[in-house]
Amino acid sequence: MRATLYSLALACLLFQGLPQPARAALGGTADTVESDRLSMKALTRPVPTGALRKEELQLPSGTVVTEYLGSTGLVYAVTWHGPSLPNLQLILGNYFANLKTAARQPVVRRRLVRVNSPDIVIESGGKTRAFAGRAWLPTMLPPGVTAADIQ
């Protein structure tokens, strides 16, 4: 059972289509959110203004990707939830390698892959038609924003 879950998680992570350049990926600039939208064939969803500045993209599959933007215009966090995984290589950018490495480790908790380092925190999990995850750069969190705010 454990080997099957591991294989499924790894296959989902690696099955992201052809490599694409990182655009508004984690750590990238807000100026390229439109490039992300076009690349993922997504619709932009309006987000109520509040304490957090964010952009939501609705993918054709129904999955929603949210990019959190700091005052400097850099993407400090991303989340995703929906019936399929988004292109994690695209939205995690240079941090995708961290997720691939974690996915190769034995599964500790059912269907959850977690990376926890001073530079990056990634949580990704789910099952068929119910995937969710989030990733953030702890050193780039704006003042007053905590990991709990990244939903």
Foldseek 3Di string as FASTA:
>chain_A
DQVVQLVVLLCQLVPLPDDDAAFLAAFHFQVRVVVVCVVQVWDWDDDDDDPWDWTWTQGPQRKIKIFTADPVRHGFKIKIWWQGDHNNCHRHPPCSVVQSVQSNDGDPDGFWGWDDDQQKTKIWGDDHGTIIIMMGGVVPDDPPDDPVNTD
